[in-house]
Amino acid sequence: MIEPPPPVHRAYLERQGVTHVLLAGNQADGKEELERLLATYPGWLGIVRRWPDGATIFVVHRAR
């Protein structure tokens, strides 16, 4: 599967007005993409809550 590079993915999410991102667990689709976003843009997403099964909700920190 071809996935967008982190700058393209972030631009898309920002255009859509995303305020939060939910990772549904350790085996969730999109986990690798989210990990690349976190590595490329440290601080852009902040953890709001993490559950024992790996589910995590992030808040998007917008540039001001």
PDB file of N, CA and C in Angstrom:
ATOM      1  N   MET A   1       0.839  -1.178   0.000  1.00  0.00           N
ATOM      2  CA  MET A   1       0.000   0.000   0.000  1.00  0.00           C
ATOM      3  C   MET A   1       0.892   1.253   0.000  1.00  0.00           C
ATOM      4  N   ILE A   2       0.538   2.215  -0.791  1.00  0.00           N
ATOM      5  CA  ILE A   2       1.263   3.485  -0.827  1.00  0.00           C
ATOM      6  C   ILE A   2       0.600   4.436   0.167  1.00  0.00           C
ATOM      7  N   GLU A   3       1.415   4.992   1.048  1.00  0.00           N
ATOM      8  CA  GLU A   3       0.902   5.922   2.056  1.00  0.00           C
ATOM      9  C   GLU A   3       1.524   7.288   1.825  1.00  0.00           C
ATOM     10  N   PRO A   4       0.789   8.349   2.170  1.00  0.00           N
ATOM     11  CA  PRO A   4       1.356   9.685   1.972  1.00  0.00           C
ATOM     12  C   PRO A   4       2.511   9.941   2.930  1.00  0.00           C
ATOM     13  N   PRO A   5       3.502  10.718   2.494  1.00  0.00           N
ATOM     14  CA  PRO A   5       4.576  11.092   3.423  1.00  0.00           C
ATOM     15  C   PRO A   5       4.007  12.022   4.506  1.00  0.00           C
ATOM     16  N   PRO A   6       4.677  12.104   5.648  1.00  0.00           N
ATOM     17  CA  PRO A   6       4.158  12.903   6.761  1.00  0.00           C
ATOM     18  C   PRO A   6       3.741  14.337   6.405  1.00  0.00           C
ATOM     19  N   PRO A   7       4.496  15.097   5.596  1.00  0.00           N
ATOM     20  CA  PRO A   7       4.032  16.465   5.304  1.00  0.00           C
ATOM     21  C   PRO A   7       2.690  16.499   4.564  1.00  0.00           C
ATOM     22  N   VAL A   8       2.476  15.557   3.671  1.00  0.00           N
ATOM     23  CA  VAL A   8       1.215  15.500   2.922  1.00  0.00           C
ATOM     24  C   VAL A   8       0.081  15.077   3.850  1.00  0.00           C
ATOM     25  N   HIS A   9       0.348  14.103   4.695  1.00  0.00           N
ATOM     26  CA  HIS A   9      -0.663  13.621   5.635  1.00  0.00           C
ATOM     27  C   HIS A   9      -1.060  14.730   6.611  1.00  0.00           C
ATOM     28  N   ARG A  10      -0.070  15.431   7.150  1.00  0.00           N
ATOM     29  CA  ARG A  10      -0.371  16.521   8.090  1.00  0.00           C
ATOM     30  C   ARG A  10      -1.161  17.627   7.406  1.00  0.00           C
ATOM     31  N   ALA A  11      -0.768  18.008   6.213  1.00  0.00           N
ATOM     32  CA  ALA A  11      -1.483  19.063   5.482  1.00  0.00           C
ATOM     33  C   ALA A  11      -2.941  18.672   5.262  1.00  0.00           C
ATOM     34  N   TYR A  12      -3.179  17.409   4.914  1.00  0.00           N
ATOM     35  CA  TYR A  12      -4.550  16.932   4.716  1.00  0.00           C
ATOM     36  C   TYR A  12      -5.352  17.050   6.011  1.00  0.00           C
ATOM     37  N   LEU A  13      -4.799  16.554   7.117  1.00  0.00           N
ATOM     38  CA  LEU A  13      -5.507  16.607   8.388  1.00  0.00           C
ATOM     39  C   LEU A  13      -5.803  18.050   8.796  1.00  0.00           C
ATOM     40  N   GLU A  14      -4.866  18.957   8.566  1.00  0.00           N
ATOM     41  CA  GLU A  14      -5.085  20.360   8.919  1.00  0.00           C
ATOM     42  C   GLU A  14      -6.149  20.993   8.033  1.00  0.00           C
ATOM     43  N   ARG A  15      -6.149  20.684   6.739  1.00  0.00           N
ATOM     44  CA  ARG A  15      -7.196  21.209   5.840  1.00  0.00           C
ATOM     45  C   ARG A  15      -8.580  20.733   6.266  1.00  0.00           C
ATOM     46  N   GLN A  16      -8.658  19.520   6.805  1.00  0.00           N
ATOM     47  CA  GLN A  16      -9.936  18.959   7.241  1.00  0.00           C
ATOM     48  C   GLN A  16     -10.375  19.513   8.597  1.00  0.00           C
ATOM     49  N   GLY A  17      -9.508  20.253   9.272  1.00  0.00           N
ATOM     50  CA  GLY A  17      -9.852  20.837  10.565  1.00  0.00           C
ATOM     51  C   GLY A  17      -9.843  19.834  11.714  1.00  0.00           C
ATOM     52  N   VAL A  18      -9.056  18.774  11.579  1.00  0.00           N
ATOM     53  CA  VAL A  18      -8.985  17.747  12.618  1.00  0.00           C
ATOM     54  C   VAL A  18      -8.475  18.355  13.923  1.00  0.00           C
ATOM     55  N   THR A  19      -9.160  18.042  15.020  1.00  0.00           N
ATOM     56  CA  THR A  19      -8.745  18.539  16.335  1.00  0.00           C
ATOM     57  C   THR A  19      -8.196  17.423  17.217  1.00  0.00           C
ATOM     58  N   HIS A  20      -8.613  16.179  16.934  1.00  0.00           N
ATOM     59  CA  HIS A  20      -8.172  15.025  17.713  1.00  0.00           C
ATOM     60  C   HIS A  20      -7.953  13.841  16.775  1.00  0.00           C
ATOM     61  N   VAL A  21      -7.064  12.952  17.188  1.00  0.00           N
ATOM     62  CA  VAL A  21      -6.797  11.724  16.438  1.00  0.00           C
ATOM     63  C   VAL A  21      -6.894  10.569  17.428  1.00  0.00           C
ATOM     64  N   LEU A  22      -7.643   9.518  17.055  1.00  0.00           N
ATOM     65  CA  LEU A  22      -7.783   8.346  17.904  1.00  0.00           C
ATOM     66  C   LEU A  22      -7.059   7.176  17.276  1.00  0.00           C
ATOM     67  N   LEU A  23      -6.135   6.607  18.018  1.00  0.00           N
ATOM     68  CA  LEU A  23      -5.501   5.347  17.641  1.00  0.00           C
ATOM     69  C   LEU A  23      -6.268   4.283  18.412  1.00  0.00           C
ATOM     70  N   ALA A  24      -6.932   3.383  17.702  1.00  0.00           N
ATOM     71  CA  ALA A  24      -7.871   2.449  18.330  1.00  0.00           C
ATOM     72  C   ALA A  24      -7.200   1.273  19.039  1.00  0.00           C
ATOM     73  N   GLY A  25      -5.895   1.204  19.051  1.00  0.00           N
ATOM     74  CA  GLY A  25      -5.196   0.131  19.755  1.00  0.00           C
ATOM     75  C   GLY A  25      -3.887  -0.200  19.077  1.00  0.00           C
ATOM     76  N   ASN A  26      -3.126  -1.093  19.687  1.00  0.00           N
ATOM     77  CA  ASN A  26      -1.801  -1.439  19.175  1.00  0.00           C
ATOM     78  C   ASN A  26      -1.827  -2.085  17.804  1.00  0.00           C
ATOM     79  N   GLN A  27      -2.924  -2.712  17.423  1.00  0.00           N
ATOM     80  CA  GLN A  27      -3.040  -3.381  16.129  1.00  0.00           C
ATOM     81  C   GLN A  27      -3.850  -2.561  15.121  1.00  0.00           C
ATOM     82  N   ALA A  28      -4.146  -1.317  15.421  1.00  0.00           N
ATOM     83  CA  ALA A  28      -5.021  -0.486  14.586  1.00  0.00           C
ATOM     84  C   ALA A  28      -4.388  -0.161  13.238  1.00  0.00           C
ATOM     85  N   ASP A  29      -5.244  -0.106  12.215  1.00  0.00           N
ATOM     86  CA  ASP A  29      -4.797   0.379  10.912  1.00  0.00           C
ATOM     87  C   ASP A  29      -4.335   1.822  11.073  1.00  0.00           C
ATOM     88  N   GLY A  30      -3.293   2.190  10.397  1.00  0.00           N
ATOM     89  CA  GLY A  30      -2.800   3.555  10.454  1.00  0.00           C
ATOM     90  C   GLY A  30      -1.795   3.815  11.557  1.00  0.00           C
ATOM     91  N   LYS A  31      -1.483   2.797  12.351  1.00  0.00           N
ATOM     92  CA  LYS A  31      -0.539   2.995  13.457  1.00  0.00           C
ATOM     93  C   LYS A  31       0.826   3.455  12.947  1.00  0.00           C
ATOM     94  N   GLU A  32       1.291   2.833  11.859  1.00  0.00           N
ATOM     95  CA  GLU A  32       2.603   3.199  11.320  1.00  0.00           C
ATOM     96  C   GLU A  32       2.599   4.636  10.798  1.00  0.00           C
ATOM     97  N   GLU A  33       1.511   5.028  10.143  1.00  0.00           N
ATOM     98  CA  GLU A  33       1.414   6.410   9.651  1.00  0.00           C
ATOM     99  C   GLU A  33       1.449   7.392  10.818  1.00  0.00           C
ATOM    100  N   LEU A  34       0.714   7.078  11.871  1.00  0.00           N
ATOM    101  CA  LEU A  34       0.693   7.953  13.042  1.00  0.00           C
ATOM    102  C   LEU A  34       2.073   8.026  13.689  1.00  0.00           C
ATOM    103  N   GLU A  35       2.769   6.897  13.764  1.00  0.00           N
ATOM    104  CA  GLU A  35       4.121   6.901  14.330  1.00  0.00           C
ATOM    105  C   GLU A  35       5.061   7.775  13.506  1.00  0.00           C
ATOM    106  N   ARG A  36       4.917   7.763  12.181  1.00  0.00           N
ATOM    107  CA  ARG A  36       5.749   8.636  11.327  1.00  0.00           C
ATOM    108  C   ARG A  36       5.417  10.108  11.564  1.00  0.00           C
ATOM    109  N   LEU A  37       4.129  10.428  11.737  1.00  0.00           N
ATOM    110  CA  LEU A  37       3.754  11.810  12.041  1.00  0.00           C
ATOM    111  C   LEU A  37       4.344  12.255  13.378  1.00  0.00           C
ATOM    112  N   LEU A  38       4.262  11.390  14.381  1.00  0.00           N
ATOM    113  CA  LEU A  38       4.809  11.724  15.702  1.00  0.00           C
ATOM    114  C   LEU A  38       6.314  11.936  15.649  1.00  0.00           C
ATOM    115  N   ALA A  39       7.012  11.124  14.870  1.00  0.00           N
ATOM    116  CA  ALA A  39       8.468  11.249  14.758  1.00  0.00           C
ATOM    117  C   ALA A  39       8.867  12.484  13.970  1.00  0.00           C
ATOM    118  N   THR A  40       8.102  12.809  12.933  1.00  0.00           N
ATOM    119  CA  THR A  40       8.436  13.945  12.070  1.00  0.00           C
ATOM    120  C   THR A  40       8.073  15.278  12.715  1.00  0.00           C
ATOM    121  N   TYR A  41       6.976  15.303  13.452  1.00  0.00           N
ATOM    122  CA  TYR A  41       6.482  16.541  14.067  1.00  0.00           C
ATOM    123  C   TYR A  41       6.300  16.375  15.573  1.00  0.00           C
ATOM    124  N   PRO A  42       7.400  16.261  16.318  1.00  0.00           N
ATOM    125  CA  PRO A  42       7.255  16.117  17.776  1.00  0.00           C
ATOM    126  C   PRO A  42       6.534  17.339  18.350  1.00  0.00           C
ATOM    127  N   GLY A  43       5.591  17.086  19.219  1.00  0.00           N
ATOM    128  CA  GLY A  43       4.847  18.180  19.836  1.00  0.00           C
ATOM    129  C   GLY A  43       3.600  18.586  19.080  1.00  0.00           C
ATOM    130  N   TRP A  44       3.443  18.146  17.832  1.00  0.00           N
ATOM    131  CA  TRP A  44       2.245  18.509  17.064  1.00  0.00           C
ATOM    132  C   TRP A  44       1.018  17.805  17.626  1.00  0.00           C
ATOM    133  N   LEU A  45       1.190  16.565  18.061  1.00  0.00           N
ATOM    134  CA  LEU A  45       0.103  15.816  18.684  1.00  0.00           C
ATOM    135  C   LEU A  45       0.458  15.573  20.143  1.00  0.00           C
ATOM    136  N   GLY A  46      -0.486  15.855  21.022  1.00  0.00           N
ATOM    137  CA  GLY A  46      -0.279  15.608  22.445  1.00  0.00           C
ATOM    138  C   GLY A  46      -1.226  14.525  22.933  1.00  0.00           C
ATOM    139  N   ILE A  47      -0.750  13.679  23.813  1.00  0.00           N
ATOM    140  CA  ILE A  47      -1.587  12.602  24.349  1.00  0.00           C
ATOM    141  C   ILE A  47      -2.595  13.178  25.334  1.00  0.00           C
ATOM    142  N   VAL A  48      -3.857  12.854  25.108  1.00  0.00           N
ATOM    143  CA  VAL A  48      -4.928  13.231  26.023  1.00  0.00           C
ATOM    144  C   VAL A  48      -5.187  12.084  26.998  1.00  0.00           C
ATOM    145  N   ARG A  49      -5.266  10.873  26.440  1.00  0.00           N
ATOM    146  CA  ARG A  49      -5.506   9.698  27.281  1.00  0.00           C
ATOM    147  C   ARG A  49      -5.001   8.453  26.571  1.00  0.00           C
ATOM    148  N   ARG A  50      -4.472   7.528  27.339  1.00  0.00           N
ATOM    149  CA  ARG A  50      -4.014   6.244  26.811  1.00  0.00           C
ATOM    150  C   ARG A  50      -4.654   5.136  27.646  1.00  0.00           C
ATOM    151  N   TRP A  51      -5.173   4.112  26.959  1.00  0.00           N
ATOM    152  CA  TRP A  51      -5.808   2.976  27.610  1.00  0.00           C
ATOM    153  C   TRP A  51      -4.851   1.790  27.610  1.00  0.00           C
ATOM    154  N   PRO A  52      -5.090   0.803  28.504  1.00  0.00           N
ATOM    155  CA  PRO A  52      -4.185  -0.350  28.612  1.00  0.00           C
ATOM    156  C   PRO A  52      -4.026  -1.155  27.320  1.00  0.00           C
ATOM    157  N   ASP A  53      -5.032  -1.179  26.459  1.00  0.00           N
ATOM    158  CA  ASP A  53      -4.931  -1.951  25.214  1.00  0.00           C
ATOM    159  C   ASP A  53      -4.158  -1.220  24.119  1.00  0.00           C
ATOM    160  N   GLY A  54      -3.643  -0.032  24.436  1.00  0.00           N
ATOM    161  CA  GLY A  54      -2.879   0.733  23.460  1.00  0.00           C
ATOM    162  C   GLY A  54      -3.674   1.816  22.771  1.00  0.00           C
ATOM    163  N   ALA A  55      -4.988   1.815  22.964  1.00  0.00           N
ATOM    164  CA  ALA A  55      -5.793   2.889  22.384  1.00  0.00           C
ATOM    165  C   ALA A  55      -5.330   4.217  22.986  1.00  0.00           C
ATOM    166  N   THR A  56      -5.213   5.219  22.138  1.00  0.00           N
ATOM    167  CA  THR A  56      -4.716   6.525  22.582  1.00  0.00           C
ATOM    168  C   THR A  56      -5.457   7.616  21.833  1.00  0.00           C
ATOM    169  N   ILE A  57      -5.836   8.654  22.539  1.00  0.00           N
ATOM    170  CA  ILE A  57      -6.424   9.821  21.880  1.00  0.00           C
ATOM    171  C   ILE A  57      -5.430  10.973  21.999  1.00  0.00           C
ATOM    172  N   PHE A  58      -5.210  11.631  20.868  1.00  0.00           N
ATOM    173  CA  PHE A  58      -4.276  12.753  20.770  1.00  0.00           C
ATOM    174  C   PHE A  58      -5.043  14.028  20.457  1.00  0.00           C
ATOM    175  N   VAL A  59      -4.545  15.142  20.936  1.00  0.00           N
ATOM    176  CA  VAL A  59      -5.066  16.448  20.556  1.00  0.00           C
ATOM    177  C   VAL A  59      -4.058  17.078  19.586  1.00  0.00           C
ATOM    178  N   VAL A  60      -4.569  17.781  18.598  1.00  0.00           N
ATOM    179  CA  VAL A  60      -3.725  18.475  17.629  1.00  0.00           C
ATOM    180  C   VAL A  60      -3.373  19.844  18.183  1.00  0.00           C
ATOM    181  N   HIS A  61      -2.088  20.129  18.282  1.00  0.00           N
ATOM    182  CA  HIS A  61      -1.631  21.457  18.728  1.00  0.00           C
ATOM    183  C   HIS A  61      -1.409  22.296  17.481  1.00  0.00           C
ATOM    184  N   ARG A  62      -2.246  23.252  17.269  1.00  0.00           N
ATOM    185  CA  ARG A  62      -2.169  24.112  16.097  1.00  0.00           C
ATOM    186  C   ARG A  62      -1.093  25.182  16.275  1.00  0.00           C
ATOM    187  N   ALA A  63      -0.425  25.509  15.181  1.00  0.00           N
ATOM    188  CA  ALA A  63       0.549  26.600  15.200  1.00  0.00           C
ATOM    189  C   ALA A  63      -0.217  27.912  15.359  1.00  0.00           C
ATOM    190  N   ARG A  64       0.342  28.804  16.136  1.00  0.00           N
ATOM    191  CA  ARG A  64      -0.340  30.098  16.349  1.00  0.00           C
ATOM    192  C   ARG A  64       0.433  31.216  15.732  1.00  0.00           C
TER     193      ARG A  64
END
